[in-house]
Amino acid sequence: MDRRKALKRTGLLAGATVIAPSLFSLLQSCKDEKRLDWNPEFFSKKEALTIASIIDMVLPRTETPGGLDVKSDIFIDKVVANTYDEKGQENLRNQIAEFNKKCQNDFGANFYELNETDKKKVLEEQEKTSGKFSPGVWGTTVGDQEPIGFYRSMKSMAIWAYTTSEEVGEKILSYDPIPGGYESCKPLSEVGNKWSL
């Protein structure tokens, strides 16, 4: 056998050995498989995927972390598991099921299985049709509160989970664990950002 051919084949074999696993993992990663990397305490996997998909659409990753980056879905799961009574938990499960059923009727799939364009259409419709929170003064609602639907309550919980997370509180919002004196009428341009405390 010619030495030159042997070296060529050895090089090709070595290259194929290195490239094949990488190519295989790349092809596997192209599958649009929806799965969780955590075990829900309250939600079923399907419900948790729905909640995670809503959070990802409402609080996507940009130059700042997204809602899923700060684990808002896990926070909501723990809140529901540990603070909702049985009736509230059952009501939430029914609302998630109705939400997914509407998505199946309109688009033929659960919310978490939809493409981004269809998810956006669903949430835009929900934004228009779901009840809104009435304004409040010092935690007291002013006027009559219309019923708040599933989408609006999930959006509210997602924003609450996001803004109270450690990463957002310390790295995105202004944070000073030992603040100075209180100044009530200071322009935002002087302080630079909303404070997390």
N, C-alpha and C. Protein backbone atom coordinates (compact mmCIF):
# COMPACT_ATOMS: atom_id res chain seq x y z
N MET A 1 0.84 -1.18 0.00
CA MET A 1 0.00 0.00 0.00
C MET A 1 0.89 1.24 0.00
N ASP A 2 0.45 2.23 -0.70
CA ASP A 2 1.17 3.49 -0.81
C ASP A 2 1.03 4.28 0.50
N ARG A 3 2.14 4.79 1.01
CA ARG A 3 2.15 5.53 2.27
C ARG A 3 1.27 6.78 2.18
N ARG A 4 1.29 7.46 1.08
CA ARG A 4 0.50 8.69 0.90
C ARG A 4 -1.00 8.38 1.02
N LYS A 5 -1.47 7.30 0.36
CA LYS A 5 -2.88 6.91 0.44
C LYS A 5 -3.25 6.51 1.86
N ALA A 6 -2.36 5.82 2.52
CA ALA A 6 -2.62 5.39 3.90
C ALA A 6 -2.79 6.60 4.81
N LEU A 7 -1.93 7.62 4.67
CA LEU A 7 -2.04 8.84 5.48
C LEU A 7 -3.35 9.59 5.18
N LYS A 8 -3.71 9.64 3.90
CA LYS A 8 -4.95 10.31 3.51
C LYS A 8 -6.16 9.63 4.15
N ARG A 9 -6.19 8.31 4.06
CA ARG A 9 -7.31 7.55 4.62
C ARG A 9 -7.36 7.68 6.15
N THR A 10 -6.20 7.68 6.76
CA THR A 10 -6.14 7.85 8.22
C THR A 10 -6.68 9.22 8.61
N GLY A 11 -6.31 10.24 7.85
CA GLY A 11 -6.82 11.59 8.11
C GLY A 11 -8.33 11.68 7.93
N LEU A 12 -8.83 11.07 6.85
CA LEU A 12 -10.27 11.07 6.61
C LEU A 12 -11.01 10.31 7.71
N LEU A 13 -10.47 9.18 8.13
CA LEU A 13 -11.08 8.39 9.18
C LEU A 13 -11.10 9.17 10.50
N ALA A 14 -10.01 9.84 10.82
CA ALA A 14 -9.95 10.65 12.05
C ALA A 14 -10.95 11.80 11.98
N GLY A 15 -11.02 12.45 10.83
CA GLY A 15 -11.97 13.55 10.66
C GLY A 15 -13.41 13.08 10.79
N ALA A 16 -13.72 11.94 10.18
CA ALA A 16 -15.07 11.39 10.26
C ALA A 16 -15.41 11.01 11.69
N THR A 17 -14.43 10.50 12.42
CA THR A 17 -14.64 10.12 13.82
C THR A 17 -14.97 11.34 14.67
N VAL A 18 -14.34 12.45 14.40
CA VAL A 18 -14.59 13.68 15.16
C VAL A 18 -15.89 14.35 14.72
N ILE A 19 -16.14 14.38 13.43
CA ILE A 19 -17.30 15.10 12.90
C ILE A 19 -18.61 14.35 13.12
N ALA A 20 -18.61 13.03 13.02
CA ALA A 20 -19.86 12.26 13.09
C ALA A 20 -20.66 12.52 14.37
N PRO A 21 -20.06 12.44 15.56
CA PRO A 21 -20.87 12.71 16.77
C PRO A 21 -21.40 14.14 16.81
N SER A 22 -20.58 15.10 16.36
CA SER A 22 -21.03 16.49 16.36
C SER A 22 -22.20 16.68 15.41
N LEU A 23 -22.11 16.08 14.24
CA LEU A 23 -23.18 16.17 13.25
C LEU A 23 -24.44 15.51 13.77
N PHE A 24 -24.28 14.36 14.42
CA PHE A 24 -25.43 13.64 14.97
C PHE A 24 -26.12 14.47 16.04
N SER A 25 -25.35 15.08 16.95
CA SER A 25 -25.96 15.90 18.01
C SER A 25 -26.60 17.15 17.42
N LEU A 26 -26.02 17.71 16.38
CA LEU A 26 -26.60 18.87 15.71
C LEU A 26 -27.95 18.52 15.10
N LEU A 27 -28.02 17.37 14.45
CA LEU A 27 -29.28 16.94 13.85
C LEU A 27 -30.33 16.66 14.92
N GLN A 28 -29.91 16.10 16.05
CA GLN A 28 -30.85 15.85 17.14
C GLN A 28 -31.37 17.15 17.72
N SER A 29 -30.51 18.16 17.83
CA SER A 29 -30.93 19.43 18.42
C SER A 29 -31.89 20.19 17.52
N CYS A 30 -31.96 19.83 16.26
CA CYS A 30 -32.88 20.51 15.35
C CYS A 30 -34.32 20.08 15.55
N LYS A 31 -34.54 18.95 16.25
CA LYS A 31 -35.91 18.54 16.53
C LYS A 31 -36.53 19.56 17.47
N ASP A 32 -37.74 19.95 17.18
CA ASP A 32 -38.43 20.94 18.01
C ASP A 32 -39.18 20.22 19.12
N GLU A 33 -38.45 19.53 19.97
CA GLU A 33 -39.06 18.76 21.03
C GLU A 33 -39.24 19.64 22.26
N LYS A 34 -40.46 19.68 22.77
CA LYS A 34 -40.74 20.48 23.95
C LYS A 34 -40.57 19.59 25.17
N ARG A 35 -39.66 19.96 26.06
CA ARG A 35 -39.49 19.19 27.29
C ARG A 35 -39.04 20.11 28.40
N LEU A 36 -39.27 19.67 29.61
CA LEU A 36 -38.90 20.45 30.78
C LEU A 36 -37.57 19.96 31.32
N ASP A 37 -36.81 20.85 31.91
CA ASP A 37 -35.57 20.45 32.55
C ASP A 37 -35.72 20.50 34.08
N TRP A 38 -36.96 20.49 34.55
CA TRP A 38 -37.25 20.47 35.99
C TRP A 38 -38.54 19.69 36.21
N ASN A 39 -38.75 19.22 37.44
CA ASN A 39 -39.95 18.45 37.76
C ASN A 39 -40.95 19.33 38.51
N PRO A 40 -42.09 19.60 37.92
CA PRO A 40 -43.09 20.45 38.57
C PRO A 40 -43.62 19.84 39.86
N GLU A 41 -43.86 20.70 40.83
CA GLU A 41 -44.43 20.27 42.10
C GLU A 41 -45.95 20.15 41.99
N PHE A 42 -46.58 21.06 41.26
CA PHE A 42 -48.03 21.05 41.11
C PHE A 42 -48.48 20.73 39.69
N PHE A 43 -47.96 21.43 38.72
CA PHE A 43 -48.41 21.28 37.34
C PHE A 43 -48.04 19.92 36.76
N SER A 44 -48.85 19.45 35.81
CA SER A 44 -48.45 18.30 35.00
C SER A 44 -47.41 18.81 34.00
N LYS A 45 -46.73 17.92 33.31
CA LYS A 45 -45.73 18.34 32.32
C LYS A 45 -46.37 19.22 31.24
N LYS A 46 -47.55 18.82 30.79
CA LYS A 46 -48.25 19.56 29.74
C LYS A 46 -48.62 20.97 30.23
N GLU A 47 -49.12 21.05 31.46
CA GLU A 47 -49.49 22.35 32.03
C GLU A 47 -48.25 23.22 32.22
N ALA A 48 -47.17 22.61 32.70
CA ALA A 48 -45.93 23.37 32.91
C ALA A 48 -45.36 23.88 31.59
N LEU A 49 -45.47 23.09 30.54
CA LEU A 49 -45.01 23.54 29.22
C LEU A 49 -45.86 24.70 28.71
N THR A 50 -47.15 24.66 29.00
CA THR A 50 -48.04 25.76 28.61
C THR A 50 -47.65 27.04 29.34
N ILE A 51 -47.45 26.94 30.66
CA ILE A 51 -47.06 28.10 31.47
C ILE A 51 -45.71 28.64 30.98
N ALA A 52 -44.75 27.74 30.75
CA ALA A 52 -43.43 28.16 30.29
C ALA A 52 -43.51 28.86 28.93
N SER A 53 -44.37 28.37 28.05
CA SER A 53 -44.51 29.00 26.73
C SER A 53 -45.12 30.39 26.83
N ILE A 54 -46.09 30.55 27.72
CA ILE A 54 -46.69 31.88 27.93
C ILE A 54 -45.63 32.83 28.47
N ILE A 55 -44.87 32.38 29.47
CA ILE A 55 -43.82 33.22 30.06
C ILE A 55 -42.79 33.60 29.01
N ASP A 56 -42.41 32.65 28.17
CA ASP A 56 -41.40 32.92 27.15
C ASP A 56 -41.89 33.94 26.13
N MET A 57 -43.19 33.96 25.86
CA MET A 57 -43.74 34.95 24.93
C MET A 57 -43.91 36.32 25.59
N VAL A 58 -44.30 36.34 26.86
CA VAL A 58 -44.53 37.60 27.57
C VAL A 58 -43.21 38.25 27.97
N LEU A 59 -42.26 37.44 28.42
CA LEU A 59 -40.96 37.95 28.88
C LEU A 59 -39.83 37.23 28.14
N PRO A 60 -39.64 37.51 26.86
CA PRO A 60 -38.60 36.81 26.09
C PRO A 60 -37.20 37.29 26.47
N ARG A 61 -36.23 36.47 26.15
CA ARG A 61 -34.83 36.86 26.37
C ARG A 61 -34.46 37.90 25.32
N THR A 62 -33.88 39.00 25.77
CA THR A 62 -33.35 40.04 24.88
C THR A 62 -31.93 40.29 25.36
N GLU A 63 -31.53 41.57 25.47
CA GLU A 63 -30.22 41.85 26.07
C GLU A 63 -30.26 41.61 27.58
N THR A 64 -31.47 41.46 28.12
CA THR A 64 -31.64 41.09 29.53
C THR A 64 -32.19 39.67 29.58
N PRO A 65 -32.06 39.00 30.72
CA PRO A 65 -32.58 37.63 30.81
C PRO A 65 -34.10 37.60 30.62
N GLY A 66 -34.59 36.50 30.10
CA GLY A 66 -36.03 36.33 29.93
C GLY A 66 -36.66 35.72 31.16
N GLY A 67 -37.98 35.57 31.13
CA GLY A 67 -38.70 35.00 32.26
C GLY A 67 -38.27 33.58 32.59
N LEU A 68 -37.96 32.79 31.57
CA LEU A 68 -37.52 31.42 31.82
C LEU A 68 -36.09 31.37 32.34
N ASP A 69 -35.28 32.38 31.99
CA ASP A 69 -33.90 32.42 32.47
C ASP A 69 -33.83 32.61 33.98
N VAL A 70 -34.81 33.32 34.53
CA VAL A 70 -34.83 33.54 35.99
C VAL A 70 -35.80 32.58 36.67
N LYS A 71 -36.24 31.56 35.94
CA LYS A 71 -37.06 30.47 36.46
C LYS A 71 -38.42 30.93 36.99
N SER A 72 -39.06 31.84 36.26
CA SER A 72 -40.39 32.31 36.65
C SER A 72 -41.41 31.17 36.65
N ASP A 73 -41.25 30.21 35.73
CA ASP A 73 -42.18 29.08 35.67
C ASP A 73 -42.11 28.22 36.93
N ILE A 74 -40.89 28.02 37.44
CA ILE A 74 -40.72 27.23 38.66
C ILE A 74 -41.31 27.98 39.85
N PHE A 75 -41.10 29.29 39.89
CA PHE A 75 -41.64 30.13 40.96
C PHE A 75 -43.17 30.03 40.98
N ILE A 76 -43.80 30.15 39.81
CA ILE A 76 -45.26 30.07 39.74
C ILE A 76 -45.75 28.70 40.18
N ASP A 77 -45.04 27.64 39.78
CA ASP A 77 -45.41 26.29 40.20
C ASP A 77 -45.37 26.17 41.72
N LYS A 78 -44.34 26.70 42.34
CA LYS A 78 -44.23 26.63 43.81
C LYS A 78 -45.30 27.47 44.50
N VAL A 79 -45.59 28.64 43.96
CA VAL A 79 -46.63 29.49 44.54
C VAL A 79 -47.97 28.78 44.50
N VAL A 80 -48.32 28.21 43.36
CA VAL A 80 -49.60 27.53 43.21
C VAL A 80 -49.65 26.30 44.12
N ALA A 81 -48.57 25.53 44.18
CA ALA A 81 -48.54 24.32 45.00
C ALA A 81 -48.65 24.62 46.49
N ASN A 82 -48.05 25.72 46.93
CA ASN A 82 -47.96 25.99 48.37
C ASN A 82 -48.92 27.04 48.90
N THR A 83 -49.57 27.82 48.04
CA THR A 83 -50.44 28.87 48.55
C THR A 83 -51.88 28.78 48.08
N TYR A 84 -52.15 28.12 46.97
CA TYR A 84 -53.53 28.00 46.48
C TYR A 84 -54.24 26.89 47.25
N ASP A 85 -55.52 27.11 47.57
CA ASP A 85 -56.30 26.03 48.16
C ASP A 85 -56.72 25.07 47.05
N GLU A 86 -57.35 23.96 47.42
CA GLU A 86 -57.71 22.94 46.43
C GLU A 86 -58.63 23.49 45.34
N LYS A 87 -59.57 24.33 45.75
CA LYS A 87 -60.50 24.91 44.77
C LYS A 87 -59.75 25.81 43.78
N GLY A 88 -58.83 26.62 44.28
CA GLY A 88 -58.04 27.49 43.41
C GLY A 88 -57.15 26.70 42.46
N GLN A 89 -56.56 25.61 42.96
CA GLN A 89 -55.73 24.76 42.12
C GLN A 89 -56.55 24.09 41.02
N GLU A 90 -57.72 23.59 41.41
CA GLU A 90 -58.59 22.94 40.42
C GLU A 90 -59.06 23.95 39.37
N ASN A 91 -59.40 25.14 39.81
CA ASN A 91 -59.82 26.20 38.89
C ASN A 91 -58.70 26.53 37.90
N LEU A 92 -57.47 26.63 38.39
CA LEU A 92 -56.33 26.92 37.50
C LEU A 92 -56.12 25.81 36.49
N ARG A 93 -56.20 24.56 36.94
CA ARG A 93 -56.05 23.43 36.01
C ARG A 93 -57.12 23.49 34.91
N ASN A 94 -58.35 23.81 35.31
CA ASN A 94 -59.44 23.91 34.33
C ASN A 94 -59.19 25.04 33.34
N GLN A 95 -58.67 26.16 33.83
CA GLN A 95 -58.38 27.30 32.95
C GLN A 95 -57.27 26.95 31.95
N ILE A 96 -56.25 26.24 32.40
CA ILE A 96 -55.17 25.82 31.49
C ILE A 96 -55.74 24.88 30.43
N ALA A 97 -56.58 23.94 30.86
CA ALA A 97 -57.18 22.99 29.92
C ALA A 97 -58.05 23.72 28.89
N GLU A 98 -58.84 24.71 29.35
CA GLU A 98 -59.68 25.49 28.42
C GLU A 98 -58.82 26.30 27.45
N PHE A 99 -57.74 26.87 27.96
CA PHE A 99 -56.83 27.65 27.13
C PHE A 99 -56.24 26.77 26.02
N ASN A 100 -55.76 25.57 26.39
CA ASN A 100 -55.20 24.65 25.40
C ASN A 100 -56.27 24.13 24.44
N LYS A 101 -57.49 23.93 24.96
CA LYS A 101 -58.58 23.45 24.10
C LYS A 101 -58.91 24.50 23.04
N LYS A 102 -58.92 25.76 23.43
CA LYS A 102 -59.17 26.84 22.46
C LYS A 102 -58.07 26.86 21.41
N CYS A 103 -56.83 26.68 21.83
CA CYS A 103 -55.70 26.63 20.88
C CYS A 103 -55.86 25.45 19.92
N GLN A 104 -56.29 24.30 20.46
CA GLN A 104 -56.50 23.13 19.61
C GLN A 104 -57.61 23.37 18.60
N ASN A 105 -58.69 24.02 19.05
CA ASN A 105 -59.80 24.30 18.13
C ASN A 105 -59.39 25.30 17.04
N ASP A 106 -58.62 26.32 17.43
CA ASP A 106 -58.24 27.37 16.47
C ASP A 106 -57.05 26.99 15.59
N PHE A 107 -56.07 26.26 16.18
CA PHE A 107 -54.82 26.00 15.45
C PHE A 107 -54.45 24.52 15.35
N GLY A 108 -55.20 23.64 16.02
CA GLY A 108 -54.93 22.21 15.92
C GLY A 108 -53.83 21.69 16.82
N ALA A 109 -53.41 22.47 17.83
CA ALA A 109 -52.36 22.02 18.73
C ALA A 109 -52.46 22.77 20.06
N ASN A 110 -51.83 22.20 21.10
CA ASN A 110 -51.74 22.89 22.39
C ASN A 110 -50.89 24.14 22.21
N PHE A 111 -51.02 25.09 23.14
CA PHE A 111 -50.31 26.36 23.02
C PHE A 111 -48.80 26.15 22.89
N TYR A 112 -48.23 25.29 23.73
CA TYR A 112 -46.78 25.09 23.71
C TYR A 112 -46.28 24.42 22.44
N GLU A 113 -47.18 23.83 21.65
CA GLU A 113 -46.79 23.17 20.40
C GLU A 113 -46.91 24.10 19.19
N LEU A 114 -47.48 25.27 19.38
CA LEU A 114 -47.67 26.21 18.27
C LEU A 114 -46.36 26.88 17.88
N ASN A 115 -46.30 27.36 16.64
CA ASN A 115 -45.14 28.16 16.24
C ASN A 115 -45.29 29.56 16.83
N GLU A 116 -44.25 30.33 16.78
CA GLU A 116 -44.23 31.64 17.43
C GLU A 116 -45.30 32.59 16.88
N THR A 117 -45.55 32.54 15.58
CA THR A 117 -46.56 33.41 14.97
C THR A 117 -47.95 33.11 15.52
N ASP A 118 -48.29 31.82 15.61
CA ASP A 118 -49.61 31.44 16.14
C ASP A 118 -49.72 31.76 17.63
N LYS A 119 -48.63 31.55 18.37
CA LYS A 119 -48.63 31.91 19.80
C LYS A 119 -48.91 33.40 19.96
N LYS A 120 -48.28 34.19 19.11
CA LYS A 120 -48.47 35.64 19.17
C LYS A 120 -49.93 36.00 18.89
N LYS A 121 -50.54 35.35 17.91
CA LYS A 121 -51.95 35.60 17.59
C LYS A 121 -52.84 35.28 18.78
N VAL A 122 -52.58 34.14 19.42
CA VAL A 122 -53.37 33.72 20.58
C VAL A 122 -53.26 34.76 21.69
N LEU A 123 -52.03 35.18 22.00
CA LEU A 123 -51.84 36.12 23.10
C LEU A 123 -52.37 37.52 22.78
N GLU A 124 -52.30 37.93 21.52
CA GLU A 124 -52.88 39.22 21.14
C GLU A 124 -54.39 39.20 21.33
N GLU A 125 -55.01 38.08 20.97
CA GLU A 125 -56.46 37.96 21.18
C GLU A 125 -56.78 37.96 22.68
N GLN A 126 -55.99 37.23 23.46
CA GLN A 126 -56.20 37.20 24.91
C GLN A 126 -56.04 38.59 25.52
N GLU A 127 -55.07 39.32 25.03
CA GLU A 127 -54.81 40.68 25.53
C GLU A 127 -56.03 41.57 25.30
N LYS A 128 -56.70 41.39 24.17
CA LYS A 128 -57.88 42.21 23.84
C LYS A 128 -59.12 41.77 24.62
N THR A 129 -59.29 40.46 24.80
CA THR A 129 -60.55 39.95 25.33
C THR A 129 -60.57 39.67 26.82
N SER A 130 -59.42 39.47 27.45
CA SER A 130 -59.44 39.12 28.87
C SER A 130 -59.62 40.36 29.74
N GLY A 131 -60.21 40.14 30.92
CA GLY A 131 -60.45 41.23 31.85
C GLY A 131 -59.16 41.89 32.29
N LYS A 132 -59.23 43.17 32.57
CA LYS A 132 -58.05 43.92 32.99
C LYS A 132 -58.18 44.26 34.47
N PHE A 133 -57.04 44.45 35.12
CA PHE A 133 -57.05 44.84 36.53
C PHE A 133 -57.52 46.28 36.65
N SER A 134 -58.43 46.52 37.58
CA SER A 134 -58.89 47.88 37.84
C SER A 134 -57.78 48.63 38.56
N PRO A 135 -57.73 49.95 38.38
CA PRO A 135 -56.71 50.72 39.09
C PRO A 135 -56.93 50.63 40.60
N GLY A 136 -55.86 50.79 41.33
CA GLY A 136 -55.97 50.72 42.78
C GLY A 136 -55.19 51.83 43.45
N VAL A 137 -55.56 52.10 44.67
CA VAL A 137 -54.86 53.08 45.49
C VAL A 137 -54.46 52.38 46.77
N TRP A 138 -53.18 52.33 47.07
CA TRP A 138 -52.63 51.69 48.26
C TRP A 138 -53.14 50.26 48.43
N GLY A 139 -53.18 49.53 47.34
CA GLY A 139 -53.57 48.13 47.39
C GLY A 139 -55.07 47.88 47.39
N THR A 140 -55.87 48.93 47.32
CA THR A 140 -57.32 48.79 47.30
C THR A 140 -57.83 49.11 45.91
N THR A 141 -58.63 48.20 45.36
CA THR A 141 -59.17 48.39 44.01
C THR A 141 -60.17 49.54 44.01
N VAL A 142 -60.06 50.38 43.00
CA VAL A 142 -60.99 51.49 42.84
C VAL A 142 -62.03 51.06 41.80
N GLY A 143 -63.30 51.06 42.18
CA GLY A 143 -64.36 50.66 41.26
C GLY A 143 -64.55 49.16 41.25
N ASP A 144 -65.39 48.70 40.35
CA ASP A 144 -65.69 47.28 40.24
C ASP A 144 -64.59 46.57 39.46
N GLN A 145 -64.22 45.40 39.95
CA GLN A 145 -63.20 44.59 39.29
C GLN A 145 -63.89 43.54 38.41
N GLU A 146 -63.65 43.61 37.10
CA GLU A 146 -64.20 42.57 36.22
C GLU A 146 -63.40 41.30 36.44
N PRO A 147 -63.98 40.13 36.13
CA PRO A 147 -63.26 38.87 36.33
C PRO A 147 -61.95 38.85 35.51
N ILE A 148 -60.90 38.41 36.16
CA ILE A 148 -59.59 38.30 35.52
C ILE A 148 -59.45 36.87 35.01
N GLY A 149 -59.17 36.72 33.75
CA GLY A 149 -59.05 35.40 33.15
C GLY A 149 -57.68 34.79 33.37
N PHE A 150 -57.53 33.59 32.83
CA PHE A 150 -56.29 32.82 32.98
C PHE A 150 -55.08 33.57 32.44
N TYR A 151 -55.18 34.07 31.22
CA TYR A 151 -54.03 34.73 30.60
C TYR A 151 -53.56 35.92 31.43
N ARG A 152 -54.49 36.79 31.82
CA ARG A 152 -54.11 38.00 32.55
C ARG A 152 -53.49 37.64 33.91
N SER A 153 -54.03 36.64 34.59
CA SER A 153 -53.46 36.26 35.89
C SER A 153 -52.07 35.63 35.71
N MET A 154 -51.88 34.82 34.65
CA MET A 154 -50.56 34.23 34.39
C MET A 154 -49.55 35.30 34.02
N LYS A 155 -49.96 36.26 33.22
CA LYS A 155 -49.07 37.36 32.84
C LYS A 155 -48.65 38.14 34.08
N SER A 156 -49.61 38.42 34.95
CA SER A 156 -49.33 39.15 36.18
C SER A 156 -48.36 38.37 37.08
N MET A 157 -48.61 37.06 37.22
CA MET A 157 -47.72 36.23 38.05
C MET A 157 -46.33 36.14 37.44
N ALA A 158 -46.26 36.06 36.12
CA ALA A 158 -44.95 35.98 35.45
C ALA A 158 -44.14 37.25 35.69
N ILE A 159 -44.80 38.40 35.58
CA ILE A 159 -44.10 39.67 35.81
C ILE A 159 -43.69 39.80 37.26
N TRP A 160 -44.55 39.36 38.17
CA TRP A 160 -44.22 39.37 39.60
C TRP A 160 -43.01 38.48 39.86
N ALA A 161 -43.03 37.25 39.32
CA ALA A 161 -41.91 36.33 39.51
C ALA A 161 -40.62 36.91 38.93
N TYR A 162 -40.72 37.53 37.77
CA TYR A 162 -39.55 38.10 37.10
C TYR A 162 -38.96 39.26 37.90
N THR A 163 -39.80 40.21 38.30
CA THR A 163 -39.27 41.41 38.97
C THR A 163 -38.80 41.14 40.39
N THR A 164 -39.26 40.05 41.00
CA THR A 164 -38.81 39.74 42.35
C THR A 164 -37.68 38.71 42.37
N SER A 165 -37.23 38.28 41.20
CA SER A 165 -36.11 37.32 41.16
C SER A 165 -34.82 38.03 41.56
N GLU A 166 -33.91 37.27 42.11
CA GLU A 166 -32.64 37.83 42.58
C GLU A 166 -31.84 38.46 41.44
N GLU A 167 -31.76 37.77 40.32
CA GLU A 167 -30.96 38.27 39.20
C GLU A 167 -31.49 39.61 38.68
N VAL A 168 -32.79 39.71 38.50
CA VAL A 168 -33.38 40.96 38.00
C VAL A 168 -33.27 42.05 39.06
N GLY A 169 -33.56 41.70 40.31
CA GLY A 169 -33.52 42.67 41.39
C GLY A 169 -32.15 43.28 41.61
N GLU A 170 -31.11 42.48 41.44
CA GLU A 170 -29.75 42.97 41.72
C GLU A 170 -29.01 43.46 40.49
N LYS A 171 -29.30 42.89 39.32
CA LYS A 171 -28.49 43.23 38.15
C LYS A 171 -29.19 44.12 37.13
N ILE A 172 -30.51 44.12 37.11
CA ILE A 172 -31.22 44.93 36.12
C ILE A 172 -31.82 46.17 36.76
N LEU A 173 -32.56 45.98 37.84
CA LEU A 173 -33.09 47.12 38.57
C LEU A 173 -31.97 47.70 39.44
N SER A 174 -32.08 48.94 39.81
CA SER A 174 -31.09 49.52 40.71
C SER A 174 -31.23 48.85 42.07
N TYR A 175 -30.11 48.54 42.69
CA TYR A 175 -30.14 47.79 43.94
C TYR A 175 -29.12 48.37 44.90
N ASP A 176 -29.57 48.71 46.08
CA ASP A 176 -28.68 49.18 47.14
C ASP A 176 -29.21 48.60 48.44
N PRO A 177 -28.56 47.56 48.96
CA PRO A 177 -29.10 46.91 50.16
C PRO A 177 -29.15 47.83 51.38
N ILE A 178 -28.36 48.89 51.39
CA ILE A 178 -28.41 49.86 52.49
C ILE A 178 -28.61 51.23 51.86
N PRO A 179 -29.87 51.56 51.53
CA PRO A 179 -30.12 52.82 50.84
C PRO A 179 -29.92 54.02 51.76
N GLY A 180 -29.73 55.16 51.13
CA GLY A 180 -29.58 56.40 51.89
C GLY A 180 -30.94 56.93 52.30
N GLY A 181 -31.00 58.21 52.59
CA GLY A 181 -32.24 58.83 53.02
C GLY A 181 -33.29 58.85 51.92
N TYR A 182 -34.52 59.02 52.32
CA TYR A 182 -35.64 59.04 51.38
C TYR A 182 -35.82 60.43 50.80
N GLU A 183 -35.81 60.51 49.48
CA GLU A 183 -36.07 61.77 48.79
C GLU A 183 -37.27 61.55 47.87
N SER A 184 -38.39 62.18 48.20
CA SER A 184 -39.64 61.88 47.49
C SER A 184 -39.74 62.49 46.10
N CYS A 185 -39.15 63.63 45.88
CA CYS A 185 -39.34 64.32 44.59
C CYS A 185 -38.03 64.43 43.83
N LYS A 186 -37.49 63.29 43.45
CA LYS A 186 -36.24 63.28 42.72
C LYS A 186 -36.53 62.80 41.30
N PRO A 187 -36.09 63.51 40.28
CA PRO A 187 -36.36 63.09 38.90
C PRO A 187 -35.70 61.74 38.58
N LEU A 188 -36.38 60.96 37.78
CA LEU A 188 -35.86 59.65 37.39
C LEU A 188 -34.52 59.78 36.67
N SER A 189 -34.32 60.86 35.95
CA SER A 189 -33.06 61.05 35.22
C SER A 189 -31.87 61.12 36.18
N GLU A 190 -32.10 61.54 37.41
CA GLU A 190 -31.00 61.61 38.38
C GLU A 190 -30.69 60.26 39.01
N VAL A 191 -31.71 59.44 39.23
CA VAL A 191 -31.48 58.14 39.87
C VAL A 191 -31.19 57.05 38.84
N GLY A 192 -31.61 57.24 37.60
CA GLY A 192 -31.20 56.36 36.52
C GLY A 192 -32.02 55.12 36.27
N ASN A 193 -32.77 54.62 37.23
CA ASN A 193 -33.48 53.37 37.02
C ASN A 193 -34.50 53.17 38.13
N LYS A 194 -35.41 52.23 37.93
CA LYS A 194 -36.35 51.85 38.97
C LYS A 194 -35.58 51.04 40.02
N TRP A 195 -35.95 51.19 41.27
CA TRP A 195 -35.25 50.49 42.34
C TRP A 195 -35.96 49.19 42.69
N SER A 196 -35.19 48.18 43.04
CA SER A 196 -35.77 46.89 43.37
C SER A 196 -36.15 46.79 44.83
N LEU A 197 -35.74 47.72 45.65
CA LEU A 197 -36.12 47.69 47.07
C LEU A 197 -37.27 48.60 47.34
